[in-house]
Structure formats: structure tokens, C-alpha cells
């Protein structure tokens, strides 16, 4: 590694750390970039690198593994069932109270 590529790599790493402060994953990934592939202007490469990885890290696909369509349907159906159960639990007491109130009013 020549002195120029070493300083270029260091500039790249520092620029990435400034662009995404506190993101240890992206900072560590920047350290693995070979200096031979860095352009002469490290800041531009750092901006592209950091912004692309930041977007990918926030991507829904990376947070949730790829699933087969049938598995995804089963999970969605299960979630819909759980959602309906939660709605019944949350709504049922209010409905029963309202029904009791309506019955009292009708009885009077």
C-alpha cells in the first residue's frame, strides 16, 4: 500500500464515520473496502458508500428475510386472526357495557 492510497483510505474511513456517526456497522464495512478500488476523491466514494448502506440497513427486505408466498400468506392470515382477537378483546367490553346501558334505558 502506497502512502497516497493509505491516506486516501484513511480519508474515506473518516468521511464515512462523519456521514453516519455512531453507525458501527457501516464504519466497520468501510474499513474492509480495498484502497485499490477507491477513487482519488475519497469523499464522493464515502458519500455513496454510506448513503447506500444506510438505505439498505433501513430496508424492509433486510429486516425481514425473504419468504415463500405461501409462508407469507400463512403469516399474514395468522396476524389477521391475532388482530381480530385483539379487536374483540378491546371492543367487547365496551360493546357489552353499551348493550347493558341500552337495556337499562329500554327497561325504564
C-alpha atoms as a PDB file:
ATOM      1  CA  UNK A   1       0.000   0.000   0.000  1.00  0.00           C
ATOM      2  CA  UNK A   2       1.487   3.338  -1.012  1.00  0.00           C
ATOM      3  CA  UNK A   3       1.401   6.433   1.124  1.00  0.00           C
ATOM      4  CA  UNK A   4      -1.170   8.070  -1.174  1.00  0.00           C
ATOM      5  CA  UNK A   5      -3.566   5.109  -1.092  1.00  0.00           C
ATOM      6  CA  UNK A   6      -3.133   4.853   2.679  1.00  0.00           C
ATOM      7  CA  UNK A   7      -4.130   8.485   3.203  1.00  0.00           C
ATOM      8  CA  UNK A   8      -6.959   8.087   0.676  1.00  0.00           C
ATOM      9  CA  UNK A   9      -8.285   5.081   2.578  1.00  0.00           C
ATOM     10  CA  UNK A  10      -7.993   6.987   5.868  1.00  0.00           C
ATOM     11  CA  UNK A  11      -9.878   9.938   4.373  1.00  0.00           C
ATOM     12  CA  UNK A  12     -12.550   7.543   3.137  1.00  0.00           C
ATOM     13  CA  UNK A  13     -12.973   5.947   6.570  1.00  0.00           C
ATOM     14  CA  UNK A  14     -13.078   9.309   8.330  1.00  0.00           C
ATOM     15  CA  UNK A  15     -15.605  10.674   5.835  1.00  0.00           C
ATOM     16  CA  UNK A  16     -17.852   7.622   6.278  1.00  0.00           C
ATOM     17  CA  UNK A  17     -17.699   7.994  10.067  1.00  0.00           C
ATOM     18  CA  UNK A  18     -18.643  11.678   9.759  1.00  0.00           C
ATOM     19  CA  UNK A  19     -21.552  10.899   7.429  1.00  0.00           C
ATOM     20  CA  UNK A  20     -23.087   8.205   9.642  1.00  0.00           C
ATOM     21  CA  UNK A  21     -21.911   8.978  13.178  1.00  0.00           C
ATOM     22  CA  UNK A  22     -22.425   6.156  15.624  1.00  0.00           C
ATOM     23  CA  UNK A  23     -23.225   3.521  12.997  1.00  0.00           C
ATOM     24  CA  UNK A  24     -20.624   0.895  13.839  1.00  0.00           C
ATOM     25  CA  UNK A  25     -21.756  -1.494  11.099  1.00  0.00           C
ATOM     26  CA  UNK A  26     -21.156   0.965   8.263  1.00  0.00           C
ATOM     27  CA  UNK A  27     -17.891   2.174   9.810  1.00  0.00           C
ATOM     28  CA  UNK A  28     -16.643  -1.420  10.054  1.00  0.00           C
ATOM     29  CA  UNK A  29     -17.723  -2.142   6.489  1.00  0.00           C
ATOM     30  CA  UNK A  30     -15.800   0.928   5.298  1.00  0.00           C
ATOM     31  CA  UNK A  31     -12.623  -0.483   6.826  1.00  0.00           C
ATOM     32  CA  UNK A  32     -12.997  -3.544   4.583  1.00  0.00           C
ATOM     33  CA  UNK A  33     -13.038  -1.553   1.348  1.00  0.00           C
ATOM     34  CA  UNK A  34      -9.764  -2.204  -0.504  1.00  0.00           C
ATOM     35  CA  UNK A  35      -7.834   1.032  -1.103  1.00  0.00           C
ATOM     36  CA  UNK A  36      -7.162  -0.016  -4.700  1.00  0.00           C
ATOM     37  CA  UNK A  37     -10.798   0.477  -5.682  1.00  0.00           C
ATOM     38  CA  UNK A  38     -11.188   3.913  -4.079  1.00  0.00           C
ATOM     39  CA  UNK A  39     -11.279   6.890  -6.434  1.00  0.00           C
ATOM     40  CA  UNK A  40      -8.889   9.775  -5.957  1.00  0.00           C
ATOM     41  CA  UNK A  41     -11.635  11.803  -4.265  1.00  0.00           C
ATOM     42  CA  UNK A  42     -12.482   9.718  -1.218  1.00  0.00           C
ATOM     43  CA  UNK A  43     -15.304  11.960  -0.018  1.00  0.00           C
ATOM     44  CA  UNK A  44     -17.520  11.207  -3.010  1.00  0.00           C
ATOM     45  CA  UNK A  45     -16.988   7.474  -2.585  1.00  0.00           C
ATOM     46  CA  UNK A  46     -17.676   7.798   1.148  1.00  0.00           C
ATOM     47  CA  UNK A  47     -20.952   9.620   0.493  1.00  0.00           C
ATOM     48  CA  UNK A  48     -22.127   6.982  -1.994  1.00  0.00           C
ATOM     49  CA  UNK A  49     -20.982   4.141   0.258  1.00  0.00           C
ATOM     50  CA  UNK A  50     -22.509   5.494   3.467  1.00  0.00           C
ATOM     51  CA  UNK A  51     -25.809   6.592   1.952  1.00  0.00           C
ATOM     52  CA  UNK A  52     -26.303   3.331   0.076  1.00  0.00           C
ATOM     53  CA  UNK A  53     -25.554   1.168   3.102  1.00  0.00           C
ATOM     54  CA  UNK A  54     -27.719   3.361   5.314  1.00  0.00           C
ATOM     55  CA  UNK A  55     -30.666   2.904   2.945  1.00  0.00           C
ATOM     56  CA  UNK A  56     -30.055  -0.829   2.733  1.00  0.00           C
ATOM     57  CA  UNK A  57     -29.882  -1.131   6.509  1.00  0.00           C
ATOM     58  CA  UNK A  58     -33.269   0.539   6.776  1.00  0.00           C
ATOM     59  CA  UNK A  59     -34.738  -1.559   4.003  1.00  0.00           C
ATOM     60  CA  UNK A  60     -37.710  -3.728   4.870  1.00  0.00           C
ATOM     61  CA  UNK A  61     -36.228  -6.663   2.972  1.00  0.00           C
ATOM     62  CA  UNK A  62     -33.108  -6.743   5.111  1.00  0.00           C
ATOM     63  CA  UNK A  63     -35.041  -6.581   8.353  1.00  0.00           C
ATOM     64  CA  UNK A  64     -37.375  -9.385   7.264  1.00  0.00           C
ATOM     65  CA  UNK A  65     -35.971 -12.414   5.453  1.00  0.00           C
ATOM     66  CA  UNK A  66     -37.400 -13.385   2.107  1.00  0.00           C
ATOM     67  CA  UNK A  67     -40.312 -15.752   2.438  1.00  0.00           C
ATOM     68  CA  UNK A  68     -42.127 -18.052   0.066  1.00  0.00           C
ATOM     69  CA  UNK A  69     -45.536 -16.694  -0.998  1.00  0.00           C
ATOM     70  CA  UNK A  70     -47.404 -19.470   0.842  1.00  0.00           C
ATOM     71  CA  UNK A  71     -45.480 -18.837   4.075  1.00  0.00           C
ATOM     72  CA  UNK A  72     -46.108 -15.107   3.766  1.00  0.00           C
ATOM     73  CA  UNK A  73     -49.865 -15.755   3.323  1.00  0.00           C
ATOM     74  CA  UNK A  74     -49.934 -18.034   6.379  1.00  0.00           C
ATOM     75  CA  UNK A  75     -48.147 -15.412   8.461  1.00  0.00           C
ATOM     76  CA  UNK A  76     -50.481 -12.667   7.251  1.00  0.00           C
ATOM     77  CA  UNK A  77     -53.526 -14.831   7.984  1.00  0.00           C
ATOM     78  CA  UNK A  78     -52.221 -15.614  11.449  1.00  0.00           C
ATOM     79  CA  UNK A  79     -51.570 -11.928  12.079  1.00  0.00           C
ATOM     80  CA  UNK A  80     -55.058 -11.059  10.819  1.00  0.00           C
ATOM     81  CA  UNK A  81     -56.506 -13.608  13.247  1.00  0.00           C
ATOM     82  CA  UNK A  82     -54.476 -12.163  16.099  1.00  0.00           C
ATOM     83  CA  UNK A  83     -55.586  -8.696  15.096  1.00  0.00           C
ATOM     84  CA  UNK A  84     -59.232  -9.783  15.107  1.00  0.00           C
ATOM     85  CA  UNK A  85     -58.752 -11.398  18.532  1.00  0.00           C
ATOM     86  CA  UNK A  86     -57.232  -8.189  19.860  1.00  0.00           C
ATOM     87  CA  UNK A  87     -60.102  -6.176  18.440  1.00  0.00           C
ATOM     88  CA  UNK A  88     -62.621  -8.491  20.115  1.00  0.00           C
ATOM     89  CA  UNK A  89     -60.778  -8.221  23.413  1.00  0.00           C
ATOM     90  CA  UNK A  90     -60.544  -4.451  23.190  1.00  0.00           C
ATOM     91  CA  UNK A  91     -64.016  -3.831  21.777  1.00  0.00           C
ATOM     92  CA  UNK A  92     -66.063  -6.494  23.532  1.00  0.00           C
ATOM     93  CA  UNK A  93     -66.099  -4.858  26.986  1.00  0.00           C
ATOM     94  CA  UNK A  94     -67.233  -1.528  25.531  1.00  0.00           C
ATOM     95  CA  UNK A  95     -69.930  -3.194  23.440  1.00  0.00           C
ATOM     96  CA  UNK A  96     -71.203  -5.209  26.388  1.00  0.00           C
ATOM     97  CA  UNK A  97     -71.336  -2.085  28.570  1.00  0.00           C
ATOM     98  CA  UNK A  98     -73.187  -0.201  25.876  1.00  0.00           C
ATOM     99  CA  UNK A  99     -75.620  -3.073  25.424  1.00  0.00           C
ATOM    100  CA  UNK A 100     -76.263  -3.201  29.177  1.00  0.00           C
ATOM    101  CA  UNK A 101     -76.822   0.569  29.220  1.00  0.00           C
ATOM    102  CA  UNK A 102     -79.203   0.337  26.293  1.00  0.00           C
ATOM    103  CA  UNK A 103     -81.111  -2.451  28.022  1.00  0.00           C
ATOM    104  CA  UNK A 104     -81.457  -0.347  31.194  1.00  0.00           C
ATOM    105  CA  UNK A 105     -82.702   2.615  29.191  1.00  0.00           C
ATOM    106  CA  UNK A 106     -85.236   0.452  27.370  1.00  0.00           C
ATOM    107  CA  UNK A 107     -86.368  -1.098  30.640  1.00  0.00           C
ATOM    108  CA  UNK A 108     -87.013   2.325  32.173  1.00  0.00           C
END
